[in-house]
Amino acid sequence: MAEFRNQSFDGATPIETDGNHYLDCNFREATFVYRGGGHPRFDRCTFHSCGWEFAGPALTTIQFLQQMNIAPGGDALIAQIFRPGAYLQE
């Protein structure tokens, strides 16, 4: 896990987030990329006009959830998974 402290990031280069820890960083027009590895951590960071891209296993999971959301009864499953306070564990 890489740690980034007190840095500013702009939209020049996509930011690979898997397993990284960001502390007191500023993100402006940044694109975050998550591939399904270790969860990134953001502590006391600011975000201005940022967005996310998903790739690999993370993209596959998002696509699966999108398909479930349109299946009969799938919206209830999605609501259950993402209810406030819920955190799934292995």
Protein backbone atom coordinates (compact mmCIF):
# COMPACT_ATOMS: atom_id res chain seq x y z
CA MET A 1 0.00 0.00 0.00
CA ALA A 2 1.40 3.39 -0.98
CA GLU A 3 0.73 6.39 1.23
CA PHE A 4 0.26 9.91 -0.13
CA ARG A 5 0.28 12.91 2.25
CA ASN A 6 -0.48 16.58 1.62
CA GLN A 7 -0.41 16.23 -2.15
CA SER A 8 -2.50 17.83 -4.88
CA PHE A 9 -3.68 15.85 -7.87
CA ASP A 10 -5.23 17.23 -11.06
CA GLY A 11 -6.87 15.57 -14.02
CA ALA A 12 -3.63 15.12 -15.97
CA THR A 13 -3.20 11.41 -15.15
CA PRO A 14 -5.73 8.82 -13.93
CA ILE A 15 -5.08 7.85 -10.30
CA GLU A 16 -4.76 4.11 -9.64
CA THR A 17 -6.30 3.73 -6.19
CA ASP A 18 -6.08 0.02 -5.32
CA GLY A 19 -4.58 -0.36 -1.85
CA ASN A 20 -3.44 3.27 -1.56
CA HIS A 21 -3.91 5.57 1.41
CA TYR A 22 -4.43 9.32 0.86
CA LEU A 23 -4.13 11.74 3.80
CA ASP A 24 -4.91 15.46 3.57
CA CYS A 25 -4.76 15.39 -0.22
CA ASN A 26 -6.56 17.66 -2.68
CA PHE A 27 -8.09 16.21 -5.85
CA ARG A 28 -9.25 18.51 -8.66
CA GLU A 29 -10.87 17.10 -11.82
CA ALA A 30 -9.18 13.79 -11.05
CA THR A 31 -10.23 10.42 -12.40
CA PHE A 32 -9.86 7.59 -9.90
CA VAL A 33 -9.39 4.04 -11.19
CA TYR A 34 -10.36 1.10 -9.00
CA ARG A 35 -9.57 -2.43 -10.25
CA GLY A 36 -10.93 -4.48 -7.35
CA GLY A 37 -7.73 -4.83 -5.29
CA GLY A 38 -7.21 -3.51 -1.78
CA HIS A 39 -9.67 -0.83 -0.74
CA PRO A 40 -8.28 2.69 -1.07
CA ARG A 41 -8.48 4.98 1.98
CA PHE A 42 -9.12 8.72 1.89
CA ASP A 43 -8.66 10.64 5.15
CA ARG A 44 -9.32 14.39 5.36
CA CYS A 45 -9.12 14.79 1.57
CA THR A 46 -11.01 17.28 -0.61
CA PHE A 47 -12.58 16.45 -3.96
CA HIS A 48 -13.56 18.90 -6.73
CA SER A 49 -15.23 17.62 -9.92
CA CYS A 50 -13.79 14.11 -9.70
CA GLY A 51 -14.99 10.84 -11.17
CA TRP A 52 -14.44 7.10 -11.01
CA GLU A 53 -13.56 4.40 -13.52
CA PHE A 54 -13.78 0.72 -12.74
CA ALA A 55 -11.70 -2.00 -14.42
CA GLY A 56 -11.04 -5.73 -14.08
CA PRO A 57 -12.89 -7.48 -11.23
CA ALA A 58 -14.31 -4.16 -9.97
CA LEU A 59 -15.93 -3.50 -13.36
CA THR A 60 -17.26 -7.05 -13.51
CA THR A 61 -18.87 -6.60 -10.07
CA ILE A 62 -20.46 -3.28 -11.07
CA GLN A 63 -21.84 -4.86 -14.27
CA PHE A 64 -23.28 -7.77 -12.25
CA LEU A 65 -25.00 -5.38 -9.83
CA GLN A 66 -26.42 -3.39 -12.76
CA GLN A 67 -27.88 -6.60 -14.21
CA MET A 68 -29.31 -7.61 -10.84
CA ASN A 69 -30.90 -4.19 -10.42
CA ILE A 70 -33.08 -4.70 -13.51
CA ALA A 71 -33.97 -8.37 -12.78
CA PRO A 72 -37.32 -9.06 -11.07
CA GLY A 73 -36.74 -8.56 -7.34
CA GLY A 74 -33.16 -7.50 -7.95
CA ASP A 75 -33.78 -3.98 -6.72
CA ALA A 76 -34.60 -5.41 -3.27
CA LEU A 77 -31.30 -7.31 -3.26
CA ILE A 78 -29.41 -4.14 -4.21
CA ALA A 79 -31.21 -2.17 -1.50
CA GLN A 80 -30.33 -4.87 1.07
CA ILE A 81 -26.64 -4.89 0.09
CA PHE A 82 -26.34 -1.09 0.20
CA ARG A 83 -28.50 -0.33 3.23
CA PRO A 84 -26.97 2.21 5.63
CA GLY A 85 -24.57 0.61 8.08
CA ALA A 86 -24.20 -2.62 6.09
CA TYR A 87 -20.71 -3.89 5.38
CA LEU A 88 -20.23 -7.31 3.83
CA GLN A 89 -17.38 -9.48 5.08
CA GLU A 90 -15.83 -12.64 3.66
